[in-house]
């Protein structure tokens, strides 16, 4: 009897060092299908600055310690035949937090493929029907660069070709909501990036 107990104890101790085989990993969920096809690129240029070039002081914000003229640069882009309208945004991804919205414009007729310098100003000349959203400065229209003192920030101008003639945005629409509306209707887009520091 004592021998049987000893055998059982030793068997139990031997089993303590075992590890159970790992459970088979759960199969990964299939990747969701692409909601939208890859957008075609749009070439964008400006007579006021080159890709990766420095924006002039005249394009900088006037206020918050910045002494620019708050004049939006001229932009030119290639037409997208299937577009119903176009839109333009200007965003600083280097600003603290989630970045800074400097300019949002939508409902630009598809026949228009450029904006003159100063178009985003209060007295600027936007195409009929175009609407500007709210910047992070708290005003509708163009708000130029005004980064903290230090290294230059990037200012990304994006032109969107849209499948809709008009979007449900207005002068009270903030940057993130404005972009969401653009993304939902975009069929093509391109960017042009300028730098500014002080």
N, C-alpha and C. Protein backbone atom coordinates (compact mmCIF):
# COMPACT_ATOMS: atom_id res chain seq x y z
N UNK A 1 0.83 -1.19 0.00
CA UNK A 1 0.00 0.00 0.00
C UNK A 1 0.86 1.23 0.00
N UNK A 2 1.96 1.23 0.92
CA UNK A 2 2.86 2.36 0.98
C UNK A 2 3.52 2.59 -0.36
N UNK A 3 3.87 1.48 -1.06
CA UNK A 3 4.51 1.59 -2.38
C UNK A 3 3.58 2.23 -3.40
N UNK A 4 2.30 1.88 -3.31
CA UNK A 4 1.34 2.44 -4.25
C UNK A 4 1.19 3.94 -4.04
N UNK A 5 1.14 4.38 -2.75
CA UNK A 5 1.03 5.81 -2.44
C UNK A 5 2.24 6.56 -2.97
N UNK A 6 3.44 5.98 -2.79
CA UNK A 6 4.68 6.61 -3.24
C UNK A 6 4.66 6.79 -4.76
N UNK A 7 4.19 5.78 -5.46
CA UNK A 7 4.13 5.87 -6.92
C UNK A 7 3.18 6.98 -7.35
N UNK A 8 2.02 7.08 -6.66
CA UNK A 8 1.05 8.11 -7.01
C UNK A 8 1.60 9.51 -6.75
N UNK A 9 2.31 9.69 -5.62
CA UNK A 9 2.90 11.00 -5.29
C UNK A 9 3.93 11.39 -6.31
N UNK A 10 4.82 10.45 -6.65
CA UNK A 10 5.87 10.74 -7.64
C UNK A 10 5.26 11.08 -8.99
N UNK A 11 4.19 10.38 -9.34
CA UNK A 11 3.52 10.67 -10.62
C UNK A 11 2.96 12.08 -10.62
N UNK A 12 2.39 12.49 -9.48
CA UNK A 12 1.83 13.83 -9.38
C UNK A 12 2.89 14.89 -9.49
N UNK A 13 4.06 14.65 -8.82
CA UNK A 13 5.15 15.62 -8.89
C UNK A 13 5.69 15.74 -10.31
N UNK A 14 5.77 14.65 -11.00
CA UNK A 14 6.27 14.69 -12.37
C UNK A 14 5.34 15.52 -13.24
N UNK A 15 4.04 15.44 -12.97
CA UNK A 15 3.09 16.18 -13.78
C UNK A 15 3.13 17.67 -13.50
N UNK A 16 3.69 18.10 -12.31
CA UNK A 16 3.70 19.52 -11.99
C UNK A 16 4.60 20.31 -12.92
N UNK A 17 5.62 19.69 -13.49
CA UNK A 17 6.54 20.41 -14.36
C UNK A 17 6.04 20.51 -15.78
N UNK A 18 4.96 19.86 -16.09
CA UNK A 18 4.46 19.88 -17.46
C UNK A 18 3.73 21.18 -17.75
N UNK A 19 3.79 21.56 -18.94
CA UNK A 19 2.99 22.69 -19.38
C UNK A 19 2.01 22.19 -20.41
N UNK A 20 0.80 22.67 -20.27
CA UNK A 20 -0.22 22.27 -21.22
C UNK A 20 0.10 22.87 -22.58
N UNK A 21 -0.17 22.15 -23.64
CA UNK A 21 0.08 22.72 -24.96
C UNK A 21 -0.72 24.01 -25.13
N UNK A 22 -0.05 25.02 -25.73
CA UNK A 22 -0.71 26.32 -25.91
C UNK A 22 -1.93 26.17 -26.81
N UNK A 23 -2.94 26.91 -26.45
CA UNK A 23 -4.15 26.87 -27.27
C UNK A 23 -3.85 27.45 -28.64
N UNK A 24 -4.45 26.90 -29.64
CA UNK A 24 -4.23 27.39 -31.00
C UNK A 24 -4.72 28.83 -31.10
N UNK A 25 -3.91 29.71 -31.71
CA UNK A 25 -4.33 31.11 -31.80
C UNK A 25 -5.61 31.23 -32.61
N UNK A 26 -6.43 32.17 -32.18
CA UNK A 26 -7.68 32.40 -32.90
C UNK A 26 -7.37 32.93 -34.28
N UNK A 27 -8.09 32.46 -35.27
CA UNK A 27 -7.82 32.95 -36.62
C UNK A 27 -8.04 34.46 -36.70
N UNK A 28 -7.11 35.15 -37.40
CA UNK A 28 -7.24 36.60 -37.52
C UNK A 28 -8.44 36.95 -38.38
N UNK A 29 -9.06 38.05 -38.01
CA UNK A 29 -10.20 38.51 -38.80
C UNK A 29 -9.70 38.97 -40.16
N UNK A 30 -10.48 38.74 -41.15
CA UNK A 30 -10.10 39.15 -42.49
C UNK A 30 -10.07 40.67 -42.57
N UNK A 31 -9.11 41.16 -43.32
CA UNK A 31 -9.02 42.60 -43.50
C UNK A 31 -10.26 43.10 -44.21
N UNK A 32 -10.75 44.22 -43.72
CA UNK A 32 -11.95 44.79 -44.35
C UNK A 32 -11.62 45.21 -45.77
N UNK A 33 -12.52 44.99 -46.69
CA UNK A 33 -12.26 45.41 -48.07
C UNK A 33 -12.11 46.91 -48.15
N UNK A 34 -11.34 47.38 -49.12
CA UNK A 34 -11.14 48.82 -49.29
C UNK A 34 -12.48 49.50 -49.56
N UNK A 35 -12.74 50.55 -48.81
CA UNK A 35 -14.01 51.25 -48.97
C UNK A 35 -14.00 52.06 -50.25
N UNK A 36 -12.85 52.58 -50.59
CA UNK A 36 -12.79 53.38 -51.81
C UNK A 36 -11.52 53.06 -52.58
N UNK A 37 -11.59 53.20 -53.88
CA UNK A 37 -10.45 52.89 -54.71
C UNK A 37 -9.35 53.91 -54.49
N UNK A 38 -8.14 53.53 -54.85
CA UNK A 38 -7.03 54.46 -54.73
C UNK A 38 -7.31 55.71 -55.55
N UNK A 39 -7.12 56.85 -54.92
CA UNK A 39 -7.39 58.10 -55.60
C UNK A 39 -6.27 58.45 -56.56
N UNK A 40 -6.65 59.02 -57.68
CA UNK A 40 -5.64 59.46 -58.62
C UNK A 40 -4.98 60.73 -58.09
N UNK A 41 -3.72 60.94 -58.38
CA UNK A 41 -3.03 62.13 -57.87
C UNK A 41 -3.36 63.38 -58.69
N UNK A 42 -3.30 64.51 -58.04
CA UNK A 42 -3.48 65.80 -58.69
C UNK A 42 -2.18 66.57 -58.55
N UNK A 43 -1.66 67.09 -59.64
CA UNK A 43 -0.45 67.92 -59.58
C UNK A 43 -0.84 69.34 -59.18
N UNK A 44 -0.16 69.88 -58.17
CA UNK A 44 -0.44 71.23 -57.68
C UNK A 44 0.84 72.05 -57.74
N UNK A 45 0.74 73.29 -58.16
CA UNK A 45 1.89 74.21 -58.16
C UNK A 45 1.43 75.56 -57.62
N UNK A 46 2.40 76.39 -57.33
CA UNK A 46 2.11 77.75 -56.90
C UNK A 46 3.18 78.68 -57.44
N UNK A 47 2.79 79.84 -57.96
CA UNK A 47 3.79 80.81 -58.37
C UNK A 47 4.46 81.49 -57.18
N UNK A 48 3.93 81.24 -55.98
CA UNK A 48 4.45 81.91 -54.78
C UNK A 48 5.48 81.10 -54.01
N UNK A 49 5.49 79.78 -54.18
CA UNK A 49 6.50 78.95 -53.51
C UNK A 49 6.57 77.60 -54.20
N UNK A 50 7.73 76.96 -54.08
CA UNK A 50 7.94 75.64 -54.66
C UNK A 50 7.70 74.58 -53.60
N UNK A 51 7.53 73.34 -54.02
CA UNK A 51 7.39 72.22 -53.08
C UNK A 51 8.59 72.21 -52.13
N UNK A 52 8.31 72.25 -50.83
CA UNK A 52 9.36 72.24 -49.82
C UNK A 52 10.02 73.59 -49.63
N UNK A 53 9.53 74.61 -50.33
CA UNK A 53 10.11 75.95 -50.21
C UNK A 53 9.48 76.73 -49.07
N UNK A 54 10.04 77.92 -48.83
CA UNK A 54 9.58 78.75 -47.73
C UNK A 54 8.47 79.70 -48.17
N UNK A 55 7.43 79.76 -47.38
CA UNK A 55 6.34 80.71 -47.62
C UNK A 55 6.81 82.11 -47.21
N UNK A 56 6.45 83.10 -48.00
CA UNK A 56 6.86 84.48 -47.72
C UNK A 56 6.12 85.03 -46.51
N UNK A 57 6.69 86.05 -45.89
CA UNK A 57 6.08 86.67 -44.71
C UNK A 57 4.68 87.18 -45.01
N UNK A 58 4.44 87.60 -46.26
CA UNK A 58 3.12 88.10 -46.62
C UNK A 58 2.03 87.06 -46.47
N UNK A 59 2.39 85.78 -46.48
CA UNK A 59 1.41 84.70 -46.34
C UNK A 59 1.17 84.33 -44.87
N UNK A 60 2.00 84.87 -43.97
CA UNK A 60 1.90 84.52 -42.55
C UNK A 60 0.73 85.24 -41.89
N UNK A 61 0.33 84.73 -40.76
CA UNK A 61 -0.80 85.28 -40.00
C UNK A 61 -0.46 86.65 -39.45
N UNK A 62 -1.48 87.46 -39.22
CA UNK A 62 -1.31 88.76 -38.59
C UNK A 62 -1.98 88.71 -37.23
N UNK A 63 -1.17 88.54 -36.19
CA UNK A 63 -1.70 88.39 -34.83
C UNK A 63 -0.96 87.29 -34.10
N UNK A 64 -1.23 87.14 -32.81
CA UNK A 64 -0.56 86.13 -31.98
C UNK A 64 0.96 86.27 -32.06
N UNK A 65 1.45 87.49 -32.21
CA UNK A 65 2.89 87.70 -32.31
C UNK A 65 3.45 87.58 -33.70
N UNK A 66 2.60 87.24 -34.67
CA UNK A 66 3.05 87.14 -36.06
C UNK A 66 2.68 88.43 -36.79
N UNK A 67 3.53 88.83 -37.75
CA UNK A 67 3.36 90.14 -38.39
C UNK A 67 3.22 90.01 -39.90
N UNK A 68 2.58 88.96 -40.37
CA UNK A 68 2.39 88.78 -41.80
C UNK A 68 1.20 89.57 -42.31
N UNK A 69 0.92 89.40 -43.60
CA UNK A 69 -0.22 90.07 -44.23
C UNK A 69 -1.43 89.16 -44.35
N UNK A 70 -1.27 87.91 -43.92
CA UNK A 70 -2.37 86.93 -43.95
C UNK A 70 -2.99 86.82 -45.34
N UNK A 71 -2.13 86.68 -46.33
CA UNK A 71 -2.58 86.60 -47.73
C UNK A 71 -2.36 85.17 -48.23
N UNK A 72 -3.42 84.50 -48.61
CA UNK A 72 -3.29 83.11 -49.09
C UNK A 72 -2.47 83.08 -50.39
N UNK A 73 -1.61 82.08 -50.54
CA UNK A 73 -0.83 81.99 -51.78
C UNK A 73 -1.69 81.55 -52.96
N UNK A 74 -1.23 81.87 -54.15
CA UNK A 74 -1.91 81.40 -55.35
C UNK A 74 -1.67 79.91 -55.53
N UNK A 75 -2.67 79.20 -55.98
CA UNK A 75 -2.56 77.76 -56.22
C UNK A 75 -3.10 77.43 -57.60
N UNK A 76 -2.45 76.48 -58.26
CA UNK A 76 -2.88 76.02 -59.58
C UNK A 76 -2.85 74.50 -59.56
N UNK A 77 -3.90 73.85 -60.08
CA UNK A 77 -3.92 72.39 -60.11
C UNK A 77 -4.48 71.89 -61.43
N UNK A 78 -4.15 70.64 -61.73
CA UNK A 78 -4.62 70.06 -62.98
C UNK A 78 -6.08 69.64 -62.85
N UNK A 79 -6.86 69.75 -63.91
CA UNK A 79 -8.27 69.37 -63.83
C UNK A 79 -8.46 67.86 -63.75
N UNK A 80 -9.53 67.45 -63.13
CA UNK A 80 -9.93 66.05 -63.08
C UNK A 80 -11.28 65.97 -63.80
N UNK A 81 -11.32 65.40 -65.01
CA UNK A 81 -12.53 65.45 -65.84
C UNK A 81 -13.80 64.95 -65.15
N UNK A 82 -13.67 63.92 -64.31
CA UNK A 82 -14.88 63.36 -63.69
C UNK A 82 -15.30 64.08 -62.42
N UNK A 83 -14.58 65.11 -62.01
CA UNK A 83 -14.91 65.82 -60.77
C UNK A 83 -16.15 66.68 -60.93
N UNK A 84 -16.95 66.75 -59.86
CA UNK A 84 -18.12 67.63 -59.83
C UNK A 84 -17.79 68.96 -59.17
N UNK A 85 -16.78 68.96 -58.31
CA UNK A 85 -16.31 70.19 -57.67
C UNK A 85 -14.93 69.91 -57.09
N UNK A 86 -14.29 70.98 -56.59
CA UNK A 86 -12.96 70.85 -55.98
C UNK A 86 -12.98 71.48 -54.59
N UNK A 87 -11.96 71.19 -53.82
CA UNK A 87 -11.82 71.78 -52.49
C UNK A 87 -10.33 71.94 -52.19
N UNK A 88 -10.03 72.84 -51.26
CA UNK A 88 -8.65 73.11 -50.87
C UNK A 88 -8.57 73.18 -49.35
N UNK A 89 -7.52 72.59 -48.78
CA UNK A 89 -7.27 72.74 -47.34
C UNK A 89 -5.81 73.10 -47.12
N UNK A 90 -5.55 73.71 -45.99
CA UNK A 90 -4.18 74.01 -45.55
C UNK A 90 -4.09 73.58 -44.09
N UNK A 91 -3.10 72.72 -43.80
CA UNK A 91 -3.01 72.11 -42.47
C UNK A 91 -1.55 72.07 -42.02
N UNK A 92 -1.33 72.36 -40.75
CA UNK A 92 0.01 72.29 -40.15
C UNK A 92 0.09 71.04 -39.28
N UNK A 93 0.74 69.97 -39.76
CA UNK A 93 0.82 68.75 -38.97
C UNK A 93 1.84 68.83 -37.84
N UNK A 94 2.67 69.89 -37.83
CA UNK A 94 3.71 70.02 -36.81
C UNK A 94 3.25 70.81 -35.59
N UNK A 95 2.06 71.38 -35.64
CA UNK A 95 1.54 72.13 -34.50
C UNK A 95 1.26 71.17 -33.34
N UNK A 96 1.38 71.66 -32.10
CA UNK A 96 1.10 70.79 -30.95
C UNK A 96 -0.30 70.22 -31.00
N UNK A 97 -0.48 69.09 -30.35
CA UNK A 97 -1.79 68.44 -30.34
C UNK A 97 -2.06 67.72 -31.64
N UNK A 98 -3.20 67.94 -32.20
CA UNK A 98 -3.61 67.24 -33.42
C UNK A 98 -3.35 68.05 -34.68
N UNK A 99 -2.44 69.02 -34.62
CA UNK A 99 -2.18 69.86 -35.77
C UNK A 99 -3.08 71.08 -35.77
N UNK A 100 -2.97 71.89 -36.82
CA UNK A 100 -3.69 73.17 -36.85
C UNK A 100 -4.28 73.40 -38.24
N UNK A 101 -5.59 73.68 -38.27
CA UNK A 101 -6.28 73.95 -39.52
C UNK A 101 -6.17 75.44 -39.85
N UNK A 102 -5.57 75.74 -41.00
CA UNK A 102 -5.36 77.13 -41.42
C UNK A 102 -6.32 77.58 -42.51
N UNK A 103 -6.90 76.63 -43.24
CA UNK A 103 -7.76 77.04 -44.35
C UNK A 103 -8.53 75.84 -44.85
N UNK A 104 -9.82 76.00 -45.07
CA UNK A 104 -10.65 74.97 -45.70
C UNK A 104 -11.62 75.66 -46.66
N UNK A 105 -11.65 75.19 -47.90
CA UNK A 105 -12.53 75.76 -48.92
C UNK A 105 -13.18 74.61 -49.68
N UNK A 106 -14.47 74.65 -49.88
CA UNK A 106 -15.15 73.61 -50.65
C UNK A 106 -16.13 74.26 -51.63
N UNK A 107 -16.75 73.40 -52.44
CA UNK A 107 -17.75 73.82 -53.43
C UNK A 107 -17.16 74.74 -54.50
N UNK A 108 -15.90 74.51 -54.83
CA UNK A 108 -15.27 75.23 -55.93
C UNK A 108 -15.71 74.54 -57.23
N UNK A 109 -16.30 75.26 -58.17
CA UNK A 109 -16.74 74.62 -59.42
C UNK A 109 -15.60 73.86 -60.10
N UNK A 110 -15.91 72.71 -60.65
CA UNK A 110 -14.88 71.86 -61.27
C UNK A 110 -14.19 72.55 -62.44
N UNK A 111 -14.85 73.55 -63.01
CA UNK A 111 -14.23 74.28 -64.13
C UNK A 111 -13.11 75.20 -63.66
N UNK A 112 -13.03 75.44 -62.36
CA UNK A 112 -11.99 76.31 -61.80
C UNK A 112 -10.80 75.44 -61.39
N UNK A 113 -9.62 75.77 -61.86
CA UNK A 113 -8.42 74.98 -61.51
C UNK A 113 -7.32 75.85 -60.93
N UNK A 114 -7.69 76.96 -60.34
CA UNK A 114 -6.69 77.82 -59.69
C UNK A 114 -7.39 78.79 -58.75
N UNK A 115 -6.64 79.26 -57.77
CA UNK A 115 -7.10 80.33 -56.89
C UNK A 115 -6.02 81.40 -56.90
N UNK A 116 -6.40 82.67 -57.06
CA UNK A 116 -5.39 83.73 -57.06
C UNK A 116 -4.88 84.00 -55.65
N UNK A 117 -3.74 84.64 -55.55
CA UNK A 117 -3.22 85.03 -54.24
C UNK A 117 -4.24 85.92 -53.54
N UNK A 118 -4.42 85.68 -52.27
CA UNK A 118 -5.37 86.46 -51.49
C UNK A 118 -6.80 86.01 -51.58
N UNK A 119 -7.08 84.91 -52.28
CA UNK A 119 -8.46 84.45 -52.45
C UNK A 119 -9.13 84.12 -51.13
N UNK A 120 -8.36 83.67 -50.15
CA UNK A 120 -8.95 83.28 -48.87
C UNK A 120 -9.12 84.41 -47.89
N UNK A 121 -8.68 85.63 -48.25
CA UNK A 121 -8.83 86.77 -47.37
C UNK A 121 -10.29 87.21 -47.28
N UNK A 122 -10.59 88.04 -46.32
CA UNK A 122 -11.98 88.49 -46.14
C UNK A 122 -12.49 89.20 -47.38
N UNK A 123 -11.63 89.89 -48.07
CA UNK A 123 -12.03 90.57 -49.30
C UNK A 123 -11.49 89.85 -50.53
N UNK A 124 -11.10 88.60 -50.34
CA UNK A 124 -10.56 87.82 -51.45
C UNK A 124 -11.64 87.45 -52.46
N UNK A 125 -11.18 86.92 -53.57
CA UNK A 125 -12.11 86.57 -54.63
C UNK A 125 -12.14 85.06 -54.83
N UNK A 126 -13.06 84.42 -54.13
CA UNK A 126 -13.30 83.00 -54.33
C UNK A 126 -14.34 82.84 -55.44
N UNK A 127 -14.33 81.70 -56.12
CA UNK A 127 -15.35 81.46 -57.16
C UNK A 127 -16.75 81.49 -56.56
N UNK A 128 -17.75 81.89 -57.33
CA UNK A 128 -19.13 81.89 -56.83
C UNK A 128 -19.53 80.50 -56.32
N UNK A 129 -20.14 80.48 -55.16
CA UNK A 129 -20.59 79.22 -54.58
C UNK A 129 -19.60 78.59 -53.63
N UNK A 130 -18.33 78.97 -53.70
CA UNK A 130 -17.32 78.39 -52.81
C UNK A 130 -17.56 78.86 -51.38
N UNK A 131 -17.28 77.98 -50.43
CA UNK A 131 -17.50 78.30 -49.02
C UNK A 131 -16.25 77.95 -48.22
N UNK A 132 -15.91 78.82 -47.27
CA UNK A 132 -14.75 78.59 -46.41
C UNK A 132 -15.20 78.19 -45.02
N UNK A 133 -14.49 77.22 -44.44
CA UNK A 133 -14.82 76.74 -43.12
C UNK A 133 -14.05 77.48 -42.04
N UNK A 134 -14.25 77.03 -40.80
CA UNK A 134 -13.66 77.66 -39.62
C UNK A 134 -12.23 77.16 -39.41
N UNK A 135 -11.29 78.09 -39.24
CA UNK A 135 -9.91 77.70 -38.94
C UNK A 135 -9.76 77.52 -37.43
N UNK A 136 -8.58 77.04 -37.03
CA UNK A 136 -8.32 76.91 -35.61
C UNK A 136 -7.99 78.24 -34.95
N UNK A 137 -7.91 79.31 -35.73
CA UNK A 137 -7.81 80.66 -35.16
C UNK A 137 -9.18 81.14 -34.70
N UNK A 138 -10.23 80.45 -35.15
CA UNK A 138 -11.58 80.82 -34.75
C UNK A 138 -12.32 81.67 -35.76
N UNK A 139 -11.74 81.84 -36.95
CA UNK A 139 -12.37 82.63 -38.00
C UNK A 139 -12.55 81.78 -39.25
N UNK A 140 -13.53 82.14 -40.06
CA UNK A 140 -13.68 81.49 -41.36
C UNK A 140 -12.75 82.19 -42.34
N UNK A 141 -12.16 81.44 -43.26
CA UNK A 141 -11.26 82.02 -44.24
C UNK A 141 -9.83 81.56 -44.00
N UNK A 142 -8.92 82.20 -44.67
CA UNK A 142 -7.50 81.84 -44.59
C UNK A 142 -6.87 82.40 -43.33
N UNK A 143 -6.11 81.54 -42.65
CA UNK A 143 -5.30 81.95 -41.50
C UNK A 143 -3.88 81.49 -41.73
N UNK A 144 -2.97 82.40 -41.97
CA UNK A 144 -1.61 82.04 -42.37
C UNK A 144 -0.77 81.39 -41.29
N UNK A 145 0.45 80.99 -41.66
CA UNK A 145 1.37 80.37 -40.70
C UNK A 145 1.68 81.29 -39.53
N UNK A 146 1.77 80.70 -38.35
CA UNK A 146 2.17 81.44 -37.15
C UNK A 146 2.69 80.43 -36.13
N UNK A 147 3.80 79.75 -36.45
CA UNK A 147 4.29 78.71 -35.55
C UNK A 147 5.01 79.31 -34.35
N UNK A 148 5.21 78.54 -33.30
CA UNK A 148 6.03 79.01 -32.19
C UNK A 148 7.45 79.30 -32.68
N UNK A 149 8.17 80.14 -31.97
CA UNK A 149 9.55 80.42 -32.33
C UNK A 149 10.35 79.12 -32.24
N UNK A 150 11.12 78.84 -33.25
CA UNK A 150 11.90 77.59 -33.29
C UNK A 150 11.99 77.07 -34.70
N UNK A 151 11.97 75.76 -34.83
CA UNK A 151 12.13 75.15 -36.15
C UNK A 151 10.91 75.44 -37.03
N UNK A 152 11.12 75.52 -38.34
CA UNK A 152 9.99 75.77 -39.25
C UNK A 152 8.96 74.64 -39.19
N UNK A 153 7.73 74.99 -39.45
CA UNK A 153 6.64 74.02 -39.56
C UNK A 153 6.32 73.79 -41.03
N UNK A 154 5.69 72.64 -41.29
CA UNK A 154 5.21 72.32 -42.63
C UNK A 154 3.76 72.76 -42.77
N UNK A 155 3.45 73.35 -43.92
CA UNK A 155 2.08 73.77 -44.21
C UNK A 155 1.64 73.05 -45.48
N UNK A 156 0.73 72.10 -45.30
CA UNK A 156 0.34 71.20 -46.38
C UNK A 156 -0.94 71.70 -47.02
N UNK A 157 -0.83 72.10 -48.28
CA UNK A 157 -2.00 72.48 -49.07
C UNK A 157 -2.46 71.24 -49.83
N UNK A 158 -3.70 70.87 -49.66
CA UNK A 158 -4.27 69.70 -50.35
C UNK A 158 -5.43 70.14 -51.23
N UNK A 159 -5.41 69.70 -52.47
CA UNK A 159 -6.52 69.94 -53.38
C UNK A 159 -7.26 68.62 -53.57
N UNK A 160 -8.56 68.64 -53.39
CA UNK A 160 -9.41 67.47 -53.56
C UNK A 160 -10.30 67.66 -54.78
N UNK A 161 -10.42 66.64 -55.60
CA UNK A 161 -11.46 66.58 -56.62
C UNK A 161 -12.58 65.73 -56.03
N UNK A 162 -13.82 66.24 -56.11
CA UNK A 162 -14.93 65.61 -55.41
C UNK A 162 -16.01 65.10 -56.36
N UNK A 163 -16.73 64.10 -55.88
CA UNK A 163 -17.82 63.52 -56.68
C UNK A 163 -19.12 64.28 -56.50
N UNK A 164 -19.16 65.22 -55.55
CA UNK A 164 -20.37 65.99 -55.26
C UNK A 164 -20.16 67.45 -55.67
N UNK A 165 -21.22 68.08 -56.14
CA UNK A 165 -21.14 69.48 -56.53
C UNK A 165 -21.06 70.39 -55.31
N UNK A 166 -21.82 70.07 -54.29
CA UNK A 166 -21.78 70.85 -53.05
C UNK A 166 -21.72 69.91 -51.85
N UNK A 167 -21.03 70.35 -50.82
CA UNK A 167 -20.93 69.59 -49.58
C UNK A 167 -21.67 70.33 -48.47
N UNK A 168 -22.16 69.62 -47.46
CA UNK A 168 -22.90 70.26 -46.37
C UNK A 168 -21.96 70.90 -45.35
N UNK A 169 -21.21 71.89 -45.78
CA UNK A 169 -20.29 72.60 -44.90
C UNK A 169 -20.56 74.10 -45.04
N UNK A 170 -20.16 74.86 -44.01
CA UNK A 170 -20.33 76.30 -44.06
C UNK A 170 -19.26 76.97 -43.20
N UNK A 171 -19.42 78.25 -42.94
CA UNK A 171 -18.41 79.02 -42.23
C UNK A 171 -18.25 78.60 -40.77
N UNK A 172 -19.15 77.78 -40.25
CA UNK A 172 -19.04 77.31 -38.86
C UNK A 172 -18.47 75.89 -38.77
N UNK A 173 -18.16 75.29 -39.92
CA UNK A 173 -17.66 73.90 -39.92
C UNK A 173 -16.18 73.88 -39.57
N UNK A 174 -15.83 73.19 -38.50
CA UNK A 174 -14.44 73.10 -38.06
C UNK A 174 -13.65 72.13 -38.92
N UNK A 175 -12.33 72.26 -38.85
CA UNK A 175 -11.44 71.48 -39.70
C UNK A 175 -11.70 69.99 -39.76
N UNK A 176 -11.76 69.28 -38.64
CA UNK A 176 -11.97 67.83 -38.69
C UNK A 176 -13.26 67.44 -39.39
N UNK A 177 -14.35 68.16 -39.12
CA UNK A 177 -15.63 67.84 -39.77
C UNK A 177 -15.58 68.19 -41.25
N UNK A 178 -14.90 69.28 -41.57
CA UNK A 178 -14.74 69.68 -42.96
C UNK A 178 -13.99 68.60 -43.72
N UNK A 179 -12.89 68.11 -43.12
CA UNK A 179 -12.10 67.08 -43.78
C UNK A 179 -12.90 65.79 -43.94
N UNK A 180 -13.68 65.43 -42.95
CA UNK A 180 -14.49 64.21 -43.04
C UNK A 180 -15.45 64.29 -44.22
N UNK A 181 -16.03 65.45 -44.45
CA UNK A 181 -16.93 65.62 -45.58
C UNK A 181 -16.16 65.50 -46.90
N UNK A 182 -14.95 66.04 -46.93
CA UNK A 182 -14.13 65.95 -48.14
C UNK A 182 -13.73 64.51 -48.42
N UNK A 183 -13.29 63.82 -47.39
CA UNK A 183 -12.82 62.44 -47.56
C UNK A 183 -13.93 61.54 -48.09
N UNK A 184 -15.15 61.80 -47.68
CA UNK A 184 -16.27 60.96 -48.11
C UNK A 184 -16.58 61.13 -49.59
N UNK A 185 -16.21 62.28 -50.16
CA UNK A 185 -16.56 62.55 -51.56
C UNK A 185 -15.34 62.64 -52.48
N UNK A 186 -14.14 62.47 -51.95
CA UNK A 186 -12.92 62.66 -52.74
C UNK A 186 -12.70 61.53 -53.74
N UNK A 187 -12.35 61.90 -54.97
CA UNK A 187 -11.99 60.91 -55.99
C UNK A 187 -10.55 61.09 -56.46
N UNK A 188 -9.97 62.23 -56.12
CA UNK A 188 -8.57 62.49 -56.46
C UNK A 188 -8.05 63.56 -55.53
N UNK A 189 -6.73 63.56 -55.29
CA UNK A 189 -6.17 64.60 -54.44
C UNK A 189 -4.66 64.72 -54.66
N UNK A 190 -4.14 65.86 -54.27
CA UNK A 190 -2.71 66.11 -54.36
C UNK A 190 -2.30 67.12 -53.32
N UNK A 191 -1.01 67.18 -53.01
CA UNK A 191 -0.54 68.10 -51.97
C UNK A 191 0.64 68.92 -52.47
N UNK A 192 0.80 70.07 -51.82
CA UNK A 192 1.92 70.97 -52.04
C UNK A 192 2.29 71.49 -50.66
N UNK A 193 3.55 71.32 -50.26
CA UNK A 193 3.95 71.67 -48.90
C UNK A 193 4.95 72.83 -48.89
N UNK A 194 4.65 73.83 -48.08
CA UNK A 194 5.55 74.96 -47.88
C UNK A 194 6.02 74.99 -46.43
N UNK A 195 7.11 75.68 -46.18
CA UNK A 195 7.67 75.78 -44.83
C UNK A 195 7.61 77.22 -44.34
N UNK A 196 7.50 77.37 -43.03
CA UNK A 196 7.57 78.71 -42.45
C UNK A 196 8.02 78.58 -41.01
N UNK A 197 8.92 79.45 -40.59
CA UNK A 197 9.40 79.47 -39.21
C UNK A 197 9.66 80.89 -38.79
N UNK A 198 9.85 81.07 -37.49
CA UNK A 198 10.20 82.39 -36.98
C UNK A 198 11.03 82.28 -35.71
